[in-house]
Each structure stands twice: as structure tokens, then as C-alpha cells.
Amino acid sequence: MARRYPAGYTKVYKRLPKSVKLFVLVIILLIALLKTFFGDIVNDYLRFNMPNANLLSSPLQNVKKINSIHDGDTINIVNENGKKVKIRFYGIDAPEVKQAYGEKSRQCLEDMLLNKKISYAIEDKDKYGRIVATIYADNVNVNYEMIKKGCAWSYFQYSKSLRNEFAQFKAKYGRIGLWAQDNPQAPWEYRKENR
């Protein structure tokens, strides 16, 4: 359904000087950028400081035990209710274990989770029925840290997180982690070749 504007709205807009139109466009773009870039930061803040503000973010659940770390973006846990859960990390894609840098990525994740209080916030469910979540270790966003440390790719296709993209950009051009390799292969390309 087409949006209807008050009579004369289009005429008024068309009469505005180009500089005012450009200014309005820049303001709209800035608001969109801030909302996208800081959305993750706001969610992290709300989850720890306003746990009842669940209208904006999903609530945190505690991890009782980590059963195994499959690779740099998938873990098997026992949640606070004693239920076994397989969790895929939201917004990242880590190298497969048999892929170049795969074992280092898994070790990077293990180091981040070792002896920490682990919690997670469910973001989605994937086509395999796994929970897709943001993981926290002592209130630090592990998904973001994996990208920042060059241990995983930002999976922008699913998360649309500019914060993660910026972290990847810094890691890539700082040649940190997997980006120290000359031509690191994206995990989704590796999986496609090895089906």
C-alpha cells in the first residue's frame, strides 16, 4: 500500500533547496548508521543492566557446563535447566576445524571461555534446529571478540552488524589472526568445495 502524505507535501519538498535536501538525507543516513552500528552495543548494555527490558533484547540464560567446543562458532552446553543444547554463534562464521586456521579458531574460542561465567541470548534458530545465540563470557560479547581477534569472519548476510564488519575490517588490515594468511578462504566457500 502506497504511503499517503498530506496534500502539498511533495510540492513543499520539491521547492526545498538542494542543500536542505542533502542535509535531510545525511541526517537520515546518520540515524540509520547509528541505529545499526550501536544496536549490538545497546543490546549488550540492556542485557546486563536492564534485564527486564526484554522488549528490545532477548534475555540472558546461564550456561551450567560446556560439554564440547566443536569449532570456532559452535558449542555444546548444558543450560541452567539441565538441558543439553547445541549453540551456533550469531553473526559469525569460523573456519572449519579441518580448514586452514580452523584448529586455531577453535582454540581461540576455548581460551575465551575457559574458567569464565558463560551466558547466552537466543537470537534465532537455524535450519538444522540449532539455537543461534550471542555468547557472553564474564559479560564480554564473545561473538564480537572472535571477529576482533581475527578468529572468525563477520557473517553480515545474517546479522547486518556494522559493528562486526568494522571489527573485521580492523583485523583484516591489521593482519590479525586468520588475516595474517595471504588469502584466507571463507568458511562458506570451504564448505561448498568440500560437500
Protein backbone atom coordinates (compact mmCIF):
# COMPACT_ATOMS: atom_id res chain seq x y z
CA MET A 1 0.00 0.00 0.00
CA ALA A 2 1.45 3.36 -1.04
CA ARG A 3 2.07 5.83 1.75
CA ARG A 4 -0.08 8.96 1.55
CA TYR A 5 1.41 12.29 2.51
CA PRO A 6 -0.55 15.41 3.45
CA ALA A 7 -1.68 17.49 0.47
CA GLY A 8 1.12 19.64 -0.83
CA TYR A 9 3.88 17.65 0.96
CA THR A 10 5.61 16.70 -2.29
CA LYS A 11 5.38 20.23 -3.62
CA VAL A 12 6.99 21.63 -0.46
CA TYR A 13 9.83 19.06 -0.60
CA LYS A 14 10.48 19.78 -4.28
CA ARG A 15 10.78 23.51 -3.52
CA LEU A 16 13.45 22.98 -0.84
CA PRO A 17 17.00 23.98 -1.80
CA LYS A 18 19.33 21.11 -2.73
CA SER A 19 21.48 21.80 0.34
CA VAL A 20 18.49 21.26 2.66
CA LYS A 21 17.53 18.04 0.84
CA LEU A 22 21.13 16.83 1.18
CA PHE A 23 21.15 17.76 4.86
CA VAL A 24 17.93 15.78 5.47
CA LEU A 25 19.38 12.80 3.61
CA VAL A 26 22.62 12.92 5.63
CA ILE A 27 20.66 13.07 8.91
CA ILE A 28 18.54 10.07 7.90
CA LEU A 29 21.68 8.11 6.91
CA LEU A 30 23.41 9.00 10.19
CA ILE A 31 20.41 7.86 12.22
CA ALA A 32 20.30 4.57 10.28
CA LEU A 33 24.06 4.08 10.73
CA LEU A 34 23.96 4.81 14.46
CA LYS A 35 20.97 2.52 14.96
CA THR A 36 22.71 -0.30 13.09
CA PHE A 37 26.21 0.22 14.49
CA PHE A 38 25.19 0.76 18.08
CA GLY A 39 22.32 -1.73 18.12
CA ASP A 40 24.66 -4.50 19.31
CA ILE A 41 26.16 -2.25 21.99
CA VAL A 42 22.72 -1.20 23.22
CA ASN A 43 21.56 -4.85 23.33
CA ASP A 44 24.66 -5.85 25.33
CA TYR A 45 24.06 -2.98 27.75
CA LEU A 46 20.38 -3.79 28.21
CA ARG A 47 21.04 -7.49 28.79
CA PHE A 48 23.33 -6.76 31.72
CA ASN A 49 21.95 -3.54 33.16
CA MET A 50 18.23 -3.75 32.49
CA PRO A 51 17.37 -7.47 32.33
CA ASN A 52 13.64 -6.72 32.38
CA ALA A 53 13.90 -4.58 29.22
CA ASN A 54 13.22 -7.64 27.08
CA LEU A 55 11.17 -5.68 24.60
CA LEU A 56 14.45 -4.63 22.98
CA SER A 57 16.65 -7.65 23.52
CA SER A 58 16.30 -11.33 24.30
CA PRO A 59 17.02 -12.29 27.93
CA LEU A 60 20.23 -13.94 29.08
CA GLN A 61 20.37 -17.60 30.01
CA ASN A 62 23.19 -19.08 32.05
CA VAL A 63 25.36 -21.99 30.99
CA LYS A 64 25.84 -24.65 33.65
CA LYS A 65 28.54 -26.54 31.74
CA ILE A 66 30.26 -26.55 28.35
CA ASN A 67 30.25 -30.14 27.07
CA SER A 68 32.35 -29.50 23.97
CA ILE A 69 33.63 -26.85 21.61
CA HIS A 70 33.01 -28.12 18.10
CA ASP A 71 34.79 -25.30 16.26
CA GLY A 72 35.13 -21.52 16.49
CA ASP A 73 31.41 -20.88 16.18
CA THR A 74 29.60 -23.90 17.65
CA ILE A 75 29.47 -25.25 21.21
CA ASN A 76 27.50 -27.92 23.07
CA ILE A 77 26.36 -26.86 26.52
CA VAL A 78 24.14 -27.79 29.43
CA ASN A 79 21.90 -24.82 30.24
CA GLU A 80 20.73 -23.67 33.66
CA ASN A 81 17.74 -26.04 33.41
CA GLY A 82 20.00 -29.06 32.84
CA LYS A 83 19.06 -29.38 29.16
CA LYS A 84 21.74 -30.18 26.54
CA VAL A 85 21.81 -27.50 23.85
CA LYS A 86 23.87 -27.06 20.68
CA ILE A 87 24.56 -23.38 20.06
CA ARG A 88 25.70 -21.76 16.82
CA PHE A 89 27.19 -18.28 17.33
CA TYR A 90 25.12 -15.46 15.87
CA GLY A 91 26.66 -13.22 13.21
CA ILE A 92 29.98 -15.04 12.82
CA ASP A 93 31.38 -17.87 10.75
CA ALA A 94 34.60 -19.54 11.88
CA PRO A 95 36.92 -21.72 9.81
CA GLU A 96 36.03 -25.40 9.83
CA VAL A 97 38.35 -27.49 12.04
CA LYS A 98 39.97 -29.19 9.02
CA GLN A 99 40.35 -25.86 7.22
CA ALA A 100 43.45 -23.66 7.46
CA TYR A 101 43.30 -21.78 10.80
CA GLY A 102 40.36 -23.96 11.89
CA GLU A 103 42.06 -25.50 14.92
CA LYS A 104 43.48 -22.11 15.96
CA SER A 105 39.99 -20.60 15.74
CA ARG A 106 38.63 -23.36 17.98
CA GLN A 107 41.49 -22.79 20.43
CA CYS A 108 40.84 -19.04 20.40
CA LEU A 109 37.23 -19.70 21.43
CA GLU A 110 38.27 -22.20 24.09
CA ASP A 111 40.70 -19.64 25.59
CA MET A 112 37.93 -17.02 25.73
CA LEU A 113 35.51 -19.37 27.50
CA LEU A 114 37.92 -21.09 29.90
CA ASN A 115 37.09 -20.50 33.59
CA LYS A 116 34.52 -17.80 32.80
CA LYS A 117 30.86 -17.34 33.70
CA ILE A 118 29.13 -18.13 30.40
CA SER A 119 25.69 -16.90 29.37
CA TYR A 120 23.85 -16.59 26.08
CA ALA A 121 20.99 -14.70 24.45
CA ILE A 122 18.98 -16.52 21.79
CA GLU A 123 18.78 -14.58 18.53
CA ASP A 124 17.30 -17.21 16.18
CA LYS A 125 17.13 -20.90 15.22
CA ASP A 126 18.91 -22.20 12.13
CA LYS A 127 17.66 -24.66 9.51
CA TYR A 128 19.31 -27.54 11.43
CA GLY A 129 17.35 -26.72 14.59
CA ARG A 130 20.36 -25.30 16.44
CA ILE A 131 19.94 -22.28 18.66
CA VAL A 132 21.72 -19.26 17.20
CA ALA A 133 22.88 -17.03 20.03
CA THR A 134 25.16 -14.29 21.25
CA ILE A 135 27.55 -15.75 23.81
CA TYR A 136 28.97 -13.83 26.77
CA ALA A 137 31.98 -14.77 28.91
CA ASP A 138 32.11 -12.69 32.09
CA ASN A 139 29.75 -10.23 30.37
CA VAL A 140 32.01 -9.83 27.29
CA ASN A 141 30.41 -10.42 23.87
CA VAL A 142 32.40 -13.43 22.60
CA ASN A 143 30.90 -13.29 19.09
CA TYR A 144 32.29 -9.80 18.60
CA GLU A 145 35.64 -10.69 20.22
CA MET A 146 36.10 -13.66 17.86
CA ILE A 147 35.87 -11.29 14.89
CA LYS A 148 38.00 -8.62 16.56
CA LYS A 149 40.78 -11.16 17.27
CA GLY A 150 40.71 -12.44 13.69
CA CYS A 151 39.42 -15.85 14.78
CA ALA A 152 36.20 -15.70 12.72
CA TRP A 153 34.51 -13.89 9.86
CA SER A 154 31.65 -11.46 10.31
CA TYR A 155 28.55 -13.12 8.85
CA PHE A 156 26.93 -9.89 7.65
CA GLN A 157 24.47 -11.79 5.47
CA TYR A 158 22.63 -12.83 8.65
CA SER A 159 23.44 -10.29 11.35
CA LYS A 160 23.66 -6.99 9.39
CA SER A 161 26.02 -5.80 12.15
CA LEU A 162 28.18 -2.85 11.14
CA ARG A 163 29.99 -3.17 14.46
CA ASN A 164 31.14 -6.67 13.47
CA GLU A 165 32.04 -5.50 9.97
CA PHE A 166 34.19 -2.70 11.40
CA ALA A 167 35.92 -5.16 13.76
CA GLN A 168 36.63 -7.44 10.78
CA PHE A 169 37.96 -4.52 8.75
CA LYS A 170 40.40 -3.64 11.56
CA ALA A 171 41.52 -7.27 11.97
CA LYS A 172 41.92 -7.75 8.23
CA TYR A 173 44.03 -4.66 7.64
CA GLY A 174 45.96 -5.22 10.85
CA ARG A 175 46.68 -8.78 9.62
CA ILE A 176 45.43 -10.21 12.91
CA GLY A 177 44.65 -13.91 13.37
CA LEU A 178 43.43 -15.65 10.21
CA TRP A 179 44.03 -12.42 8.29
CA ALA A 180 47.80 -12.94 8.67
CA GLN A 181 47.41 -15.58 5.92
CA ASP A 182 47.82 -14.35 2.35
CA ASN A 183 44.41 -15.44 1.06
CA PRO A 184 42.25 -16.88 3.84
CA GLN A 185 39.36 -18.91 2.49
CA ALA A 186 35.92 -18.04 3.83
CA PRO A 187 34.30 -21.00 5.63
CA TRP A 188 31.20 -20.91 3.41
CA GLU A 189 33.47 -21.30 0.34
CA TYR A 190 35.36 -24.14 2.01
CA ARG A 191 32.11 -25.97 2.85
CA LYS A 192 30.88 -25.51 -0.73
CA GLU A 193 34.07 -27.09 -2.13
CA ASN A 194 34.08 -29.98 0.34
CA ARG A 195 30.48 -31.21 0.17
